[in-house]
Amino acid sequence: MMTDHLNSFAVPTRIVCGPGARHQVAGELAALGAHHVLIVADAALAQVGVLDDVVRALQSAGVSFLLFTEIVAEPGTRVVQRALALVQEKRCDALVALGGGSAIDAAKATALLATNGGSLSDYDGVEKSCLPPLPVVALPTTAGSGAEVTTGAVITDEARQTKMAVRCGGYRPRVAILDPELLASLPAAVAAAGGLDALAHAIEAYVSTLANPFSDVLARGAIELIGAHLRLFVARRDDGEAALGMLTASTMAGMAFSNSALGNAHALARHLGPRLGLGHGQAVAEVLAAVIEFNAPAAVEKFSWVAEALGEDVRGFPPDLAAGKAALAVKWLCRDVGLGQGLGELGLRREDVAEIARLAAAEGGANRGNPRPTSYADFVSLLERAM
């Protein structure tokens, strides 16, 4: 496969995958030389028993650890500072992140500050850290963010009332443990939103102007797995095959987009979520079909493949019409898992459209891989289509 630009690809995270993989956490920490560990976990996990096996594994191995269970959705700098204080007080030499993207991102941010010092705002942007962070072992309990293998973390800066995207190549967790049994208690709505977020990661990475042959293979694999497993996974999170399929897809999509780039769906979702009180995955899901319709003419061959991978029969269709069916496939998938109500139904007002479009258009980095140049007027049109 020929490309018109130089490619680079990195996935330094070790991946341990399969039912019961969570029991390997102590061995992975030992291999990293860790002796004093901070466990960063979603607060709700302690209530449903998901945390218990990890704690028992560390106790059996004689690993010294502390629990930090103050993680909430969209974590902010105050939470990171409280976790950092524990790391410094107890001289922790590694972190275990157990939860969704919020827990993993908080752990990554804490690990960064533990070795580099300063304020997290000092590292807002790309490649601004100097020293490697403390090792992080990530155990995702959702299938969506891909944070267990990605280079960045999104943390809210409460002082500036903005979200920071801290990205650095050395920021990935050292180990990702993918255990489908950790997803059994996931609420259906969270499973649906996370699955659509993973799909958006994969599709936007696949059609990105910065895609390469390696990211393409991972993105295609993720899209196929999501098409095969998301509906059943939302209906039955305790179905081991569906859960493992979605976990694998989420991680593959994370590898893909962290080595290429994302597009318009994520540029919009970053501002829609806080404005409408939506989780990130749902915000992405609500605009994804409209973004695909807009982008399809710029990546006809790839979007034709996406349509077919998601179950659309495109045999005999002209390439442009086949590509257009990718948006239809996404609409059906959203509706089958309870999403896709439309931004108007979710509270977006016509008078808010201009401001959100302006913010999205100003964020060149958030959609730097989008296959079609997008103006402010285009973002306005995308939001109107998604209403």
Protein backbone atom coordinates (compact mmCIF):
# COMPACT_ATOMS: atom_id res chain seq x y z
CA MET A 1 0.00 0.00 0.00
CA MET A 2 1.42 3.36 -1.06
CA THR A 3 0.94 6.52 0.99
CA ASP A 4 1.92 10.12 0.29
CA HIS A 5 3.40 10.80 3.72
CA LEU A 6 5.83 9.22 6.14
CA ASN A 7 4.28 6.89 8.73
CA SER A 8 5.11 6.14 12.33
CA PHE A 9 3.37 3.71 14.67
CA ALA A 10 3.84 2.92 18.36
CA VAL A 11 1.96 0.68 20.77
CA PRO A 12 4.27 0.13 23.74
CA THR A 13 1.50 -1.07 26.08
CA ARG A 14 1.60 -4.75 27.01
CA ILE A 15 -1.88 -6.30 26.67
CA VAL A 16 -3.15 -9.22 28.75
CA CYS A 17 -6.52 -10.35 27.47
CA GLY A 18 -9.15 -12.95 28.36
CA PRO A 19 -11.63 -14.11 31.03
CA GLY A 20 -10.08 -13.85 34.49
CA ALA A 21 -7.18 -11.70 33.26
CA ARG A 22 -7.69 -9.38 36.26
CA HIS A 23 -6.08 -12.03 38.48
CA GLN A 24 -2.75 -11.35 36.72
CA VAL A 25 -2.48 -7.81 38.05
CA ALA A 26 -0.02 -8.65 40.85
CA GLY A 27 2.29 -10.48 38.47
CA GLU A 28 2.27 -7.57 36.05
CA LEU A 29 3.12 -5.15 38.87
CA ALA A 30 5.95 -7.41 40.01
CA ALA A 31 7.37 -7.42 36.48
CA LEU A 32 7.38 -3.61 36.62
CA GLY A 33 9.23 -3.69 39.93
CA ALA A 34 6.35 -2.03 41.76
CA HIS A 35 6.06 -2.35 45.55
CA HIS A 36 3.78 0.49 46.71
CA VAL A 37 0.71 0.97 44.56
CA LEU A 38 -2.18 3.43 44.40
CA ILE A 39 -5.40 1.89 43.07
CA VAL A 40 -7.45 4.57 41.28
CA ALA A 41 -11.02 3.34 40.83
CA ASP A 42 -14.51 4.49 39.96
CA ALA A 43 -16.44 4.89 43.21
CA ALA A 44 -19.33 2.71 42.04
CA LEU A 45 -17.07 -0.30 41.47
CA ALA A 46 -16.56 -0.84 45.18
CA GLN A 47 -20.33 -1.16 45.62
CA VAL A 48 -20.78 -3.88 42.98
CA GLY A 49 -17.77 -5.95 44.01
CA VAL A 50 -15.67 -5.37 40.88
CA LEU A 51 -12.81 -4.04 43.01
CA ASP A 52 -12.68 -7.08 45.29
CA ASP A 53 -10.73 -9.47 43.05
CA VAL A 54 -8.04 -6.90 42.32
CA VAL A 55 -7.63 -6.12 46.01
CA ARG A 56 -7.44 -9.83 46.88
CA ALA A 57 -4.83 -10.44 44.16
CA LEU A 58 -2.60 -7.71 45.57
CA GLN A 59 -3.12 -8.88 49.15
CA SER A 60 -2.21 -12.46 48.24
CA ALA A 61 0.97 -11.29 46.54
CA GLY A 62 1.93 -9.08 49.47
CA VAL A 63 1.78 -5.88 47.43
CA SER A 64 1.37 -2.74 49.52
CA PHE A 65 -1.48 -0.60 48.20
CA LEU A 66 -3.83 2.29 48.90
CA LEU A 67 -7.34 2.78 47.54
CA PHE A 68 -8.46 6.02 45.91
CA THR A 69 -12.12 5.80 44.92
CA GLU A 70 -13.06 9.45 44.42
CA ILE A 71 -13.26 9.20 40.62
CA VAL A 72 -16.34 10.65 38.97
CA ALA A 73 -17.30 11.21 35.35
CA GLU A 74 -15.28 13.98 33.68
CA PRO A 75 -12.59 14.14 36.42
CA GLY A 76 -11.01 17.47 37.26
CA THR A 77 -7.69 18.76 38.49
CA ARG A 78 -8.80 18.69 42.14
CA VAL A 79 -9.32 14.93 42.00
CA VAL A 80 -5.91 14.48 40.37
CA GLN A 81 -4.26 16.61 43.06
CA ARG A 82 -5.82 14.51 45.84
CA ALA A 83 -4.58 11.32 44.19
CA LEU A 84 -1.14 12.86 43.71
CA ALA A 85 -0.94 13.77 47.41
CA LEU A 86 -1.41 10.11 48.31
CA VAL A 87 1.23 9.01 45.80
CA GLN A 88 3.71 11.46 47.27
CA GLU A 89 2.84 10.77 50.91
CA LYS A 90 3.16 6.99 50.57
CA ARG A 91 5.90 7.11 47.92
CA CYS A 92 3.94 4.97 45.50
CA ASP A 93 5.94 3.64 42.57
CA ALA A 94 3.01 2.55 40.33
CA LEU A 95 -0.72 3.02 39.84
CA VAL A 96 -3.52 0.61 39.02
CA ALA A 97 -6.45 2.20 37.19
CA LEU A 98 -9.73 0.33 37.44
CA GLY A 99 -12.76 1.78 35.69
CA GLY A 100 -13.73 3.60 32.53
CA GLY A 101 -11.87 6.32 30.71
CA SER A 102 -12.30 8.74 33.62
CA ALA A 103 -10.44 6.53 36.09
CA ILE A 104 -7.72 5.67 33.61
CA ASP A 105 -7.24 9.29 32.54
CA ALA A 106 -7.04 10.43 36.17
CA ALA A 107 -4.43 7.78 36.91
CA LYS A 108 -2.39 8.78 33.85
CA ALA A 109 -2.50 12.45 34.85
CA THR A 110 -1.45 11.58 38.41
CA ALA A 111 1.41 9.43 37.13
CA LEU A 112 2.61 12.31 34.95
CA LEU A 113 2.66 14.87 37.77
CA ALA A 114 4.34 12.43 40.16
CA THR A 115 7.52 12.46 38.08
CA ASN A 116 7.36 15.84 36.33
CA GLY A 117 5.89 18.10 39.01
CA GLY A 118 4.16 21.40 38.41
CA SER A 119 0.53 21.91 37.51
CA LEU A 120 -1.38 19.80 35.01
CA SER A 121 -2.09 22.93 32.98
CA ASP A 122 1.66 23.07 32.26
CA TYR A 123 1.19 19.98 30.10
CA ASP A 124 -2.02 20.92 28.30
CA GLY A 125 -1.28 20.15 24.67
CA VAL A 126 1.10 17.81 22.88
CA GLU A 127 4.47 16.46 24.07
CA LYS A 128 5.00 18.91 26.94
CA SER A 129 6.21 16.47 29.60
CA CYS A 130 9.87 15.65 30.06
CA LEU A 131 10.24 12.61 32.31
CA PRO A 132 8.45 9.26 31.92
CA PRO A 133 5.41 8.98 34.22
CA LEU A 134 5.05 6.36 36.94
CA PRO A 135 3.95 3.00 35.50
CA VAL A 136 0.18 2.57 35.15
CA VAL A 137 -1.59 -0.79 34.87
CA ALA A 138 -5.06 -0.22 33.42
CA LEU A 139 -8.06 -2.51 33.84
CA PRO A 140 -10.94 -1.04 31.80
CA THR A 141 -14.45 -1.81 33.04
CA THR A 142 -16.07 -0.19 30.00
CA ALA A 143 -15.53 -0.74 26.28
CA GLY A 144 -15.27 2.64 24.63
CA SER A 145 -12.55 5.13 25.49
CA GLY A 146 -9.49 3.05 24.60
CA ALA A 147 -7.68 5.00 27.33
CA GLU A 148 -5.78 1.85 28.32
CA VAL A 149 -3.57 2.24 25.21
CA THR A 150 -3.82 5.91 24.22
CA THR A 151 -1.31 8.72 24.59
CA GLY A 152 -3.55 11.28 26.23
CA ALA A 153 -5.91 12.16 29.03
CA VAL A 154 -8.80 14.60 29.19
CA ILE A 155 -9.05 16.39 32.53
CA THR A 156 -11.25 19.36 33.45
CA ASP A 157 -9.38 22.43 34.64
CA GLU A 158 -11.79 23.80 37.24
CA ALA A 159 -9.93 27.09 37.52
CA ARG A 160 -10.28 27.87 33.81
CA GLN A 161 -13.57 26.01 33.33
CA THR A 162 -12.18 24.13 30.34
CA LYS A 163 -11.17 20.62 29.40
CA MET A 164 -7.47 19.96 28.97
CA ALA A 165 -6.22 17.36 26.51
CA VAL A 166 -2.78 16.28 27.71
CA ARG A 167 -1.04 14.17 25.08
CA CYS A 168 2.42 12.65 25.13
CA GLY A 169 3.86 9.56 23.42
CA GLY A 170 5.24 8.22 26.70
CA TYR A 171 1.88 8.61 28.42
CA ARG A 172 0.36 5.25 27.59
CA PRO A 173 -0.22 2.75 30.43
CA ARG A 174 2.53 0.17 30.62
CA VAL A 175 0.03 -2.71 30.85
CA ALA A 176 -3.61 -3.07 29.81
CA ILE A 177 -5.57 -5.96 31.30
CA LEU A 178 -8.70 -6.75 29.28
CA ASP A 179 -11.04 -8.96 31.30
CA PRO A 180 -14.58 -9.31 29.89
CA GLU A 181 -15.86 -10.40 33.30
CA LEU A 182 -15.24 -6.84 34.56
CA LEU A 183 -17.99 -5.58 32.23
CA ALA A 184 -20.82 -7.77 33.52
CA SER A 185 -22.33 -5.09 35.80
CA LEU A 186 -22.10 -2.27 33.25
CA PRO A 187 -25.43 -0.44 32.73
CA ALA A 188 -26.89 -0.90 29.26
CA ALA A 189 -26.87 2.83 28.50
CA VAL A 190 -23.18 3.09 29.35
CA ALA A 191 -22.42 0.04 27.22
CA ALA A 192 -24.25 1.60 24.26
CA ALA A 193 -22.58 5.00 24.54
CA GLY A 194 -19.14 3.49 25.01
CA GLY A 195 -19.59 1.17 22.06
CA LEU A 196 -20.56 4.04 19.76
CA ASP A 197 -17.60 6.07 21.00
CA ALA A 198 -15.30 3.16 20.10
CA LEU A 199 -16.96 2.94 16.68
CA ALA A 200 -16.36 6.66 16.11
CA HIS A 201 -12.72 6.23 17.15
CA ALA A 202 -12.31 3.44 14.64
CA ILE A 203 -14.13 5.13 11.73
CA GLU A 204 -12.45 8.49 12.22
CA ALA A 205 -9.04 6.83 12.49
CA TYR A 206 -9.73 4.78 9.35
CA VAL A 207 -10.66 7.75 7.13
CA SER A 208 -8.15 10.14 8.71
CA THR A 209 -5.77 12.02 6.45
CA LEU A 210 -3.03 10.80 8.82
CA ALA A 211 -4.03 7.13 8.64
CA ASN A 212 -1.38 4.58 7.76
CA PRO A 213 -1.42 0.88 6.86
CA PHE A 214 -0.99 -0.16 10.50
CA SER A 215 -3.76 2.03 11.91
CA ASP A 216 -6.01 0.96 9.02
CA VAL A 217 -5.74 -2.72 9.96
CA LEU A 218 -6.63 -2.01 13.60
CA ALA A 219 -9.47 0.35 12.68
CA ARG A 220 -11.01 -2.16 10.28
CA GLY A 221 -10.76 -4.92 12.86
CA ALA A 222 -12.46 -2.73 15.46
CA ILE A 223 -15.30 -1.77 13.10
CA GLU A 224 -15.96 -5.42 12.24
CA LEU A 225 -15.99 -6.46 15.90
CA ILE A 226 -18.36 -3.66 16.89
CA GLY A 227 -20.70 -4.49 14.03
CA ALA A 228 -20.72 -8.12 15.16
CA HIS A 229 -21.03 -7.64 18.94
CA LEU A 230 -22.41 -4.26 20.05
CA ARG A 231 -26.14 -5.08 19.85
CA LEU A 232 -25.77 -8.29 21.85
CA PHE A 233 -23.37 -6.65 24.30
CA VAL A 234 -25.86 -3.90 25.12
CA ALA A 235 -28.60 -6.51 25.61
CA ARG A 236 -26.40 -8.87 27.67
CA ARG A 237 -23.22 -7.49 29.20
CA ASP A 238 -22.59 -10.87 30.82
CA ASP A 239 -22.22 -12.53 27.42
CA GLY A 240 -18.50 -13.32 27.54
CA GLU A 241 -17.92 -13.46 23.79
CA ALA A 242 -19.70 -10.16 23.13
CA ALA A 243 -17.93 -8.44 26.04
CA LEU A 244 -14.51 -9.65 24.94
CA GLY A 245 -15.26 -8.63 21.36
CA MET A 246 -16.16 -5.11 22.46
CA LEU A 247 -13.18 -4.78 24.80
CA THR A 248 -10.87 -5.88 22.02
CA ALA A 249 -12.51 -3.50 19.56
CA SER A 250 -12.22 -0.57 21.96
CA THR A 251 -8.52 -1.21 22.52
CA MET A 252 -7.84 -1.69 18.81
CA ALA A 253 -9.65 1.56 18.03
CA GLY A 254 -7.59 3.31 20.71
CA MET A 255 -4.38 2.06 19.12
CA ALA A 256 -5.61 3.20 15.71
CA PHE A 257 -6.64 6.76 16.54
CA SER A 258 -3.65 7.44 18.81
CA ASN A 259 -1.48 6.70 15.77
CA SER A 260 -3.56 8.62 13.24
CA ALA A 261 -6.09 11.23 14.41
CA LEU A 262 -9.77 11.90 15.02
CA GLY A 263 -12.27 14.08 13.15
CA ASN A 264 -15.38 16.22 13.26
CA ALA A 265 -17.48 13.95 15.48
CA HIS A 266 -15.03 14.40 18.34
CA ALA A 267 -14.51 18.11 17.66
CA LEU A 268 -18.27 18.61 18.09
CA ALA A 269 -18.76 16.19 20.98
CA ARG A 270 -16.16 17.95 23.10
CA HIS A 271 -18.44 21.02 23.26
CA LEU A 272 -21.84 19.37 22.97
CA GLY A 273 -21.34 17.13 26.00
CA PRO A 274 -20.89 19.90 28.61
CA ARG A 275 -23.54 22.12 26.98
CA LEU A 276 -26.25 19.44 26.99
CA GLY A 277 -25.14 17.44 30.03
CA LEU A 278 -24.35 14.41 27.88
CA GLY A 279 -21.65 11.83 28.44
CA HIS A 280 -18.93 11.91 25.82
CA GLY A 281 -19.99 8.67 24.13
CA GLN A 282 -23.59 9.79 23.71
CA ALA A 283 -22.51 13.17 22.35
CA VAL A 284 -20.33 11.44 19.76
CA ALA A 285 -23.10 9.01 18.82
CA GLU A 286 -25.58 11.82 18.18
CA VAL A 287 -23.40 13.51 15.53
CA LEU A 288 -21.56 10.54 13.99
CA ALA A 289 -24.02 9.79 11.17
CA ALA A 290 -24.16 13.45 10.12
CA VAL A 291 -20.36 13.64 10.09
CA ILE A 292 -20.17 10.49 7.95
CA GLU A 293 -22.64 11.96 5.44
CA PHE A 294 -20.48 15.09 5.20
CA ASN A 295 -17.18 13.19 4.91
CA ALA A 296 -18.30 10.39 2.58
CA PRO A 297 -17.40 12.16 -0.71
CA ALA A 298 -13.81 12.58 0.52
CA ALA A 299 -13.22 8.88 1.31
CA VAL A 300 -15.62 6.96 -0.92
CA GLU A 301 -13.78 3.64 -0.97
CA LYS A 302 -13.26 3.51 2.78
CA PHE A 303 -16.80 4.51 3.67
CA SER A 304 -18.15 1.90 1.23
CA TRP A 305 -16.21 -0.70 3.18
CA VAL A 306 -17.57 0.68 6.51
CA ALA A 307 -21.15 0.36 5.22
CA GLU A 308 -20.59 -3.28 4.28
CA ALA A 309 -18.76 -4.09 7.53
CA LEU A 310 -21.74 -2.76 9.50
CA GLY A 311 -24.21 -4.94 7.62
CA GLU A 312 -25.37 -2.86 4.64
CA ASP A 313 -25.70 -4.65 1.30
CA VAL A 314 -23.84 -2.40 -1.14
CA ARG A 315 -23.46 -4.90 -3.98
CA GLY A 316 -24.12 -3.22 -7.31
CA PHE A 317 -24.26 0.28 -5.82
CA PRO A 318 -22.20 3.07 -7.38
CA PRO A 319 -19.27 3.92 -5.07
CA ASP A 320 -20.72 7.24 -3.93
CA LEU A 321 -24.08 5.70 -2.98
CA ALA A 322 -22.37 2.77 -1.26
CA ALA A 323 -20.32 5.22 0.81
CA GLY A 324 -23.48 7.09 1.77
CA LYS A 325 -24.94 3.91 3.24
CA ALA A 326 -22.31 4.01 5.99
CA ALA A 327 -24.28 6.82 7.64
CA LEU A 328 -27.46 4.76 7.38
CA ALA A 329 -25.75 1.78 9.01
CA VAL A 330 -24.64 3.97 11.91
CA LYS A 331 -28.15 5.41 12.31
CA TRP A 332 -29.65 1.92 12.55
CA LEU A 333 -27.00 0.80 15.02
CA CYS A 334 -27.56 3.87 17.22
CA ARG A 335 -31.31 3.32 17.29
CA ASP A 336 -30.96 -0.40 18.00
CA VAL A 337 -28.97 0.36 21.16
CA GLY A 338 -31.21 3.23 22.32
CA LEU A 339 -29.31 6.26 21.04
CA GLY A 340 -29.74 8.65 18.13
CA GLN A 341 -32.69 10.64 19.49
CA GLY A 342 -31.44 13.81 17.82
CA LEU A 343 -29.79 16.84 19.39
CA GLY A 344 -33.05 18.79 19.41
CA GLU A 345 -34.72 16.16 21.57
CA LEU A 346 -31.71 16.27 23.89
CA GLY A 347 -32.02 20.02 24.45
CA LEU A 348 -29.91 21.70 21.78
CA ARG A 349 -31.46 25.06 20.95
CA ARG A 350 -31.15 26.77 17.57
CA GLU A 351 -29.57 29.75 19.28
CA ASP A 352 -26.79 27.50 20.68
CA VAL A 353 -25.74 26.13 17.29
CA ALA A 354 -23.59 29.11 16.25
CA GLU A 355 -21.51 29.09 19.44
CA ILE A 356 -20.85 25.33 19.37
CA ALA A 357 -19.95 25.52 15.68
CA ARG A 358 -17.56 28.39 16.40
CA LEU A 359 -15.82 26.44 19.17
CA ALA A 360 -15.52 23.31 17.02
CA ALA A 361 -14.16 25.27 14.06
CA ALA A 362 -11.55 26.91 16.28
CA GLU A 363 -10.22 23.58 17.51
CA GLY A 364 -7.93 22.55 14.67
CA GLY A 365 -6.24 19.84 16.76
CA ALA A 366 -9.46 18.04 17.67
CA ASN A 367 -10.28 17.20 14.06
CA ARG A 368 -6.88 17.42 12.40
CA GLY A 369 -7.39 14.10 10.62
CA ASN A 370 -10.85 14.86 9.21
CA PRO A 371 -10.81 13.84 5.52
CA ARG A 372 -12.73 16.91 4.34
CA PRO A 373 -11.88 20.53 5.20
CA THR A 374 -14.57 21.91 7.49
CA SER A 375 -15.52 25.55 7.85
CA TYR A 376 -17.60 27.26 10.52
CA ALA A 377 -20.59 27.13 8.14
CA ASP A 378 -20.01 23.40 7.67
CA PHE A 379 -20.10 22.84 11.44
CA VAL A 380 -23.36 24.77 11.61
CA SER A 381 -24.79 22.49 8.92
CA LEU A 382 -23.55 19.36 10.73
CA LEU A 383 -25.31 20.39 13.93
CA GLU A 384 -28.51 21.17 12.06
CA ARG A 385 -28.41 17.76 10.38
CA ALA A 386 -27.97 16.08 13.77
CA MET A 387 -30.97 17.85 15.33
